[in-house]
Protein backbone atom coordinates (compact mmCIF):
# COMPACT_ATOMS: atom_id res chain seq x y z
CA MET A 1 0.00 0.00 0.00
CA HIS A 2 2.78 2.43 0.94
CA ARG A 3 4.59 1.63 -2.32
CA GLN A 4 1.48 2.45 -4.38
CA VAL A 5 1.00 5.76 -2.57
CA VAL A 6 4.62 6.78 -3.19
CA LEU A 7 4.46 5.83 -6.89
CA LEU A 8 1.20 7.75 -7.32
CA ALA A 9 2.75 10.82 -5.68
CA LEU A 10 5.76 10.54 -7.99
CA ALA A 11 3.50 10.34 -11.06
CA SER A 12 1.60 13.47 -9.97
CA PHE A 13 4.91 15.23 -9.27
CA CYS A 14 6.21 14.47 -12.78
CA LEU A 15 2.93 15.45 -14.45
CA PHE A 16 3.03 18.87 -12.78
CA PHE A 17 6.43 19.68 -14.23
CA VAL A 18 5.63 18.20 -17.64
CA ARG A 19 2.68 20.58 -17.86
CA ALA A 20 4.93 23.45 -16.76
CA ALA A 21 7.32 22.58 -19.58
CA GLU A 22 4.56 23.17 -22.12
CA THR A 23 4.66 26.92 -21.40
CA PRO A 24 5.96 28.40 -24.67
CA MET A 25 7.62 31.58 -23.38
CA ALA A 26 8.42 33.21 -20.05
CA THR A 27 6.70 36.56 -20.47
CA ASP A 28 6.49 37.33 -16.76
CA MET A 29 10.19 37.92 -16.11
CA GLY A 30 13.19 39.76 -17.50
CA PRO A 31 16.51 38.13 -18.39
CA ALA A 32 16.89 36.97 -14.77
CA ALA A 33 14.66 36.65 -11.72
CA PHE A 34 14.40 35.16 -8.26
CA LEU A 35 13.03 31.64 -8.41
CA TRP A 36 13.12 31.56 -4.60
CA PRO A 37 12.24 33.55 -2.63
CA PRO A 38 9.62 34.72 -5.14
CA ASP A 39 10.20 38.23 -6.44
CA ARG A 40 7.92 41.18 -6.95
CA VAL A 41 5.62 41.28 -9.98
CA TRP A 42 7.70 42.00 -13.10
CA ALA A 43 6.79 44.53 -15.78
CA ALA A 44 8.80 45.23 -18.93
CA ALA A 45 8.33 48.99 -18.54
CA GLN A 46 10.04 49.04 -15.14
CA ASP A 47 12.66 46.27 -15.33
CA ASN A 48 15.49 48.81 -15.75
CA THR A 49 14.19 51.01 -12.93
CA ALA A 50 16.07 50.97 -9.63
CA PRO A 51 15.90 49.58 -7.08
CA CYS A 52 13.51 46.69 -7.80
CA GLY A 53 12.59 46.72 -11.48
CA SER A 54 8.90 46.71 -10.60
CA SER A 55 6.10 49.14 -9.95
CA ALA A 56 4.76 46.85 -7.22
CA GLY A 57 5.60 47.62 -3.64
CA VAL A 58 5.88 45.21 -0.75
CA THR A 59 2.85 42.98 -1.14
CA ASN A 60 3.98 39.52 -0.03
CA ARG A 61 6.83 38.43 2.21
CA THR A 62 8.41 35.00 2.21
CA GLU A 63 9.78 33.36 5.35
CA PHE A 64 13.56 33.16 5.13
CA PRO A 65 15.94 31.40 7.56
CA LEU A 66 18.19 33.53 9.75
CA THR A 67 21.08 31.17 9.05
CA ASN A 68 22.09 29.02 6.08
CA GLY A 69 19.81 30.93 3.71
CA LYS A 70 19.95 30.39 -0.05
CA VAL A 71 18.57 32.11 -3.13
CA SER A 72 17.61 30.44 -6.39
CA LEU A 73 17.95 32.43 -9.59
CA VAL A 74 16.43 31.54 -12.94
CA LEU A 75 17.80 33.03 -16.17
CA GLN A 76 16.45 33.05 -19.71
CA ASP A 77 19.30 35.11 -21.15
CA GLU A 78 22.98 35.59 -20.31
CA SER A 79 23.56 38.09 -17.53
CA TYR A 80 26.73 39.70 -16.19
CA ASN A 81 28.05 41.48 -13.10
CA ILE A 82 25.24 40.03 -11.00
CA ASN A 83 25.16 41.58 -7.55
CA LEU A 84 23.05 40.43 -4.62
CA ALA A 85 22.23 43.11 -2.07
CA ILE A 86 19.92 43.43 0.90
CA SER A 87 18.02 46.16 2.71
CA TYR A 88 16.73 45.78 6.25
CA GLN A 89 14.24 48.60 5.78
CA ASN A 90 10.54 47.79 5.54
CA ASN A 91 10.18 49.52 2.18
CA PRO A 92 13.46 50.44 0.45
CA THR A 93 13.00 52.90 -2.40
CA GLU A 94 16.56 53.70 -3.55
CA ASN A 95 19.73 51.79 -4.37
CA LYS A 96 21.47 53.47 -1.44
CA ASP A 97 19.06 51.63 0.88
CA PHE A 98 20.74 48.33 -0.09
CA THR A 99 24.05 46.83 1.00
CA ALA A 100 25.89 44.45 -1.33
CA ILE A 101 26.44 40.98 0.15
CA GLU A 102 27.45 38.79 -2.83
CA ASP A 103 28.89 39.10 -6.33
CA PHE A 104 28.08 36.22 -8.66
CA PRO A 105 29.96 35.05 -11.75
CA ASP A 106 28.56 35.62 -15.22
CA LEU A 107 25.64 33.24 -15.57
CA VAL A 108 24.28 31.36 -18.57
CA PRO A 109 20.58 30.51 -19.00
CA GLY A 110 19.28 27.99 -16.52
CA HIS A 111 18.83 27.73 -12.78
CA GLU A 112 21.49 28.76 -10.25
CA CYS A 113 21.55 28.49 -6.48
CA TYR A 114 23.75 30.46 -4.07
CA ASP A 115 24.32 30.74 -0.33
CA VAL A 116 23.36 34.01 1.34
CA THR A 117 25.46 35.63 4.05
CA ASN A 118 23.81 35.47 7.47
CA PRO A 119 22.37 38.82 8.65
CA PRO A 120 23.98 40.91 11.41
CA LYS A 121 23.38 39.84 15.00
CA ASN A 122 20.95 42.72 15.58
CA ILE A 123 18.57 41.20 13.01
CA ALA A 124 16.26 38.80 14.83
CA SER A 125 13.42 36.46 13.95
CA GLY A 126 10.47 38.52 12.71
CA SER A 127 12.65 41.21 11.10
CA ASN A 128 11.79 42.24 7.55
CA ALA A 129 14.24 42.63 4.68
CA THR A 130 14.34 42.91 0.89
CA LEU A 131 16.78 41.04 -1.33
CA GLN A 132 17.85 42.70 -4.57
CA ILE A 133 19.66 41.48 -7.67
CA SER A 134 21.11 43.95 -10.14
CA TYR A 135 22.85 42.83 -13.32
CA LEU A 136 23.77 43.67 -16.90
CA SER A 137 22.19 42.05 -19.94
CA THR A 138 21.56 42.71 -23.63
CA PHE A 139 18.03 41.33 -23.28
CA ASP A 140 16.21 44.34 -24.70
CA THR A 141 18.79 45.89 -27.02
CA ASP A 142 22.19 45.18 -28.55
CA LYS A 143 23.88 47.03 -25.68
CA ASN A 144 24.22 46.17 -22.00
CA GLU A 145 21.62 47.63 -19.70
CA THR A 146 21.16 47.32 -15.95
CA TYR A 147 18.22 45.27 -14.70
CA TYR A 148 16.78 44.86 -11.21
CA ALA A 149 14.61 42.44 -9.27
CA CYS A 150 13.61 42.28 -5.59
CA ALA A 151 12.21 39.68 -3.21
CA ASP A 152 10.69 40.64 0.13
CA ILE A 153 11.35 38.36 3.12
CA THR A 154 10.73 37.95 6.83
CA TYR A 155 13.40 36.21 8.86
CA VAL A 156 12.56 33.13 10.94
CA GLU A 157 14.69 30.81 13.02
CA LEU A 158 16.20 27.97 11.02
CA SER A 159 14.42 25.46 13.28
CA ALA A 160 11.06 27.04 12.35
CA PHE A 161 11.78 27.14 8.62
CA LYS A 162 9.88 24.28 6.95
CA GLU A 163 9.66 25.31 3.29
CA PHE A 164 11.41 23.15 0.70
CA VAL A 165 13.86 25.12 -1.46
CA PHE A 166 14.98 23.47 -4.67
CA CYS A 167 18.69 24.28 -4.84
CA ARG A 168 20.75 22.80 -7.65
CA ASN A 169 22.80 24.46 -10.38
CA ILE A 170 21.45 23.51 -13.82
CA THR A 171 22.81 25.41 -16.79
CA ALA A 172 21.68 25.39 -20.43
CA PRO A 173 20.81 22.01 -22.05
CA GLU A 174 24.17 21.65 -23.79
CA THR A 175 25.97 21.78 -20.42
CA THR A 176 25.83 19.43 -17.46
CA SER A 177 24.14 20.03 -14.12
CA THR A 178 26.20 20.42 -10.97
CA SER A 179 25.85 21.47 -7.37
CA THR A 180 28.92 23.71 -7.37
CA SER A 181 29.33 27.24 -8.66
CA THR A 182 32.80 26.44 -10.03
CA ALA A 183 31.43 24.12 -12.69
CA ALA A 184 28.75 26.67 -13.51
CA SER A 185 31.47 29.23 -14.21
CA THR A 186 33.21 26.77 -16.53
CA ALA A 187 29.95 26.18 -18.36
CA THR A 188 29.63 29.93 -18.87
CA ALA A 189 32.88 30.10 -20.82
CA SER A 190 31.94 27.14 -23.01
CA THR A 191 28.49 28.44 -23.94
CA SER A 192 28.93 32.22 -24.13
CA THR A 193 29.80 32.15 -27.84
CA SER A 194 26.80 30.06 -28.85
CA THR A 195 24.29 32.14 -26.83
CA SER A 196 25.54 35.69 -27.43
CA SER A 197 23.97 35.94 -30.88
CA SER A 198 20.53 35.09 -29.49
CA SER A 199 20.42 37.64 -26.65
CA SER A 200 19.45 40.77 -28.59
CA SER A 201 15.67 40.56 -28.10
CA LYS A 202 13.06 39.31 -25.66
CA GLY A 203 11.86 36.63 -28.04
CA SER A 204 15.33 35.12 -28.39
CA GLY A 205 15.76 34.26 -24.73
CA LEU A 206 15.39 30.81 -23.24
CA SER A 207 11.66 30.09 -23.05
CA GLY A 208 9.80 29.32 -19.88
CA GLY A 209 9.15 25.82 -21.19
CA GLN A 210 12.85 25.25 -21.82
CA ILE A 211 13.73 26.48 -18.34
CA ALA A 212 11.13 24.16 -16.83
CA GLY A 213 12.42 21.32 -18.97
CA ILE A 214 15.95 21.87 -17.69
CA VAL A 215 14.72 21.56 -14.12
CA ILE A 216 12.48 18.53 -14.73
CA GLY A 217 15.27 16.02 -15.24
CA SER A 218 16.97 16.89 -11.99
CA LEU A 219 13.72 16.95 -10.00
CA VAL A 220 12.58 13.59 -11.36
CA GLY A 221 16.02 12.10 -10.69
CA VAL A 222 15.90 13.25 -7.07
CA ALA A 223 12.36 11.90 -6.73
CA LEU A 224 13.34 8.51 -8.15
CA ILE A 225 16.26 8.27 -5.73
CA ALA A 226 13.89 9.09 -2.85
CA VAL A 227 11.39 6.46 -3.99
CA GLY A 228 14.16 3.85 -4.33
CA ALA A 229 15.42 4.64 -0.84
CA PHE A 230 11.88 4.40 0.54
CA LEU A 231 11.28 1.02 -1.08
CA LEU A 232 14.58 -0.36 0.24
CA TRP A 233 13.74 0.95 3.70
CA SER A 234 10.25 -0.64 3.53
CA ARG A 235 11.72 -3.99 2.51
CA HIS A 236 14.23 -3.79 5.36
CA GLN A 237 11.47 -2.97 7.86
CA ARG A 238 9.37 -5.91 6.65
CA GLN A 239 12.35 -8.24 7.06
CA ILE A 240 12.91 -6.97 10.60
CA LEU A 241 9.23 -7.57 11.39
CA ARG A 242 9.37 -11.10 10.01
CA ASP A 243 12.50 -11.85 12.05
CA LYS A 244 10.78 -10.59 15.21
CA ILE A 245 7.73 -12.77 14.57
CA VAL A 246 9.92 -15.84 14.03
CA ALA A 247 11.89 -15.07 17.19
CA VAL A 248 8.70 -14.73 19.24
CA ARG A 249 7.31 -18.00 17.89
CA MET A 250 10.56 -19.83 18.57
CA SER A 251 10.57 -18.42 22.10
CA ASP A 252 6.98 -19.60 22.63
CA TRP A 253 7.78 -23.09 21.41
CA GLY A 254 10.83 -23.34 23.63
CA SER A 255 8.85 -22.37 26.73
CA GLU A 256 6.13 -25.00 26.30
CA PRO A 257 6.39 -27.85 28.90
CA VAL A 258 7.23 -31.28 27.57
CA LYS A 259 4.10 -33.43 27.72
CA PRO A 260 4.62 -36.95 29.16
CA THR A 261 4.17 -39.79 26.74
CA SER A 262 1.69 -42.62 27.45
CA GLY A 263 2.93 -45.03 30.07
CA GLN A 264 4.95 -42.38 31.93
CA SER A 265 3.85 -41.26 35.33
């Protein structure tokens, strides 16, 4: 029964991402965006406007761990000089409200995951903050322009943080996936020539379906490994149960008194 439930869950999991892969074009983001924590609503008219590339203010906040935090970025066009910054104000409105905390390497289309520096000691659980990425891209024109995106968060203790964050570096289809930023940097050098000619317009970027497709393989692989581990664990537990039953029966048999045979007093 448990095996059937797990396999059904896996099938539903795969179907969700297959449907996501059918999306023809990511029209709700610029050349790069936060995959997690989710960013503010994107609009093409504001994506070059500091500090957040959006006309939306703080509408939703995502719980974010005080320690060992990570951000996931998704890219549909090559981006350069990517800078991650943070503001501990409730509603930052200018670039000067942000403090740089990380500089990322040049990134190729795909999904990238990076550790985030822990906040200062005066920032406690319940404190609000806004994460910002700023970067250069030729997404709109044939010249580099600066783009922005922001994600609003509320800090929680790591022990209280329960949300699953998919964190694995997966670059364009012609490169391999890895969990280290070093290999991602190597992939950048090998694919920059082939992708530079396609980055001059919005329509030439990596589509939402392609981005979803890149992620599917890794997610399904992880799910299959989890299912395999669960099935092995279930088999092991059943064997332990059988051994216990046998041991109990053997113990019962050994404790039974020997009945006298006929003719014995």
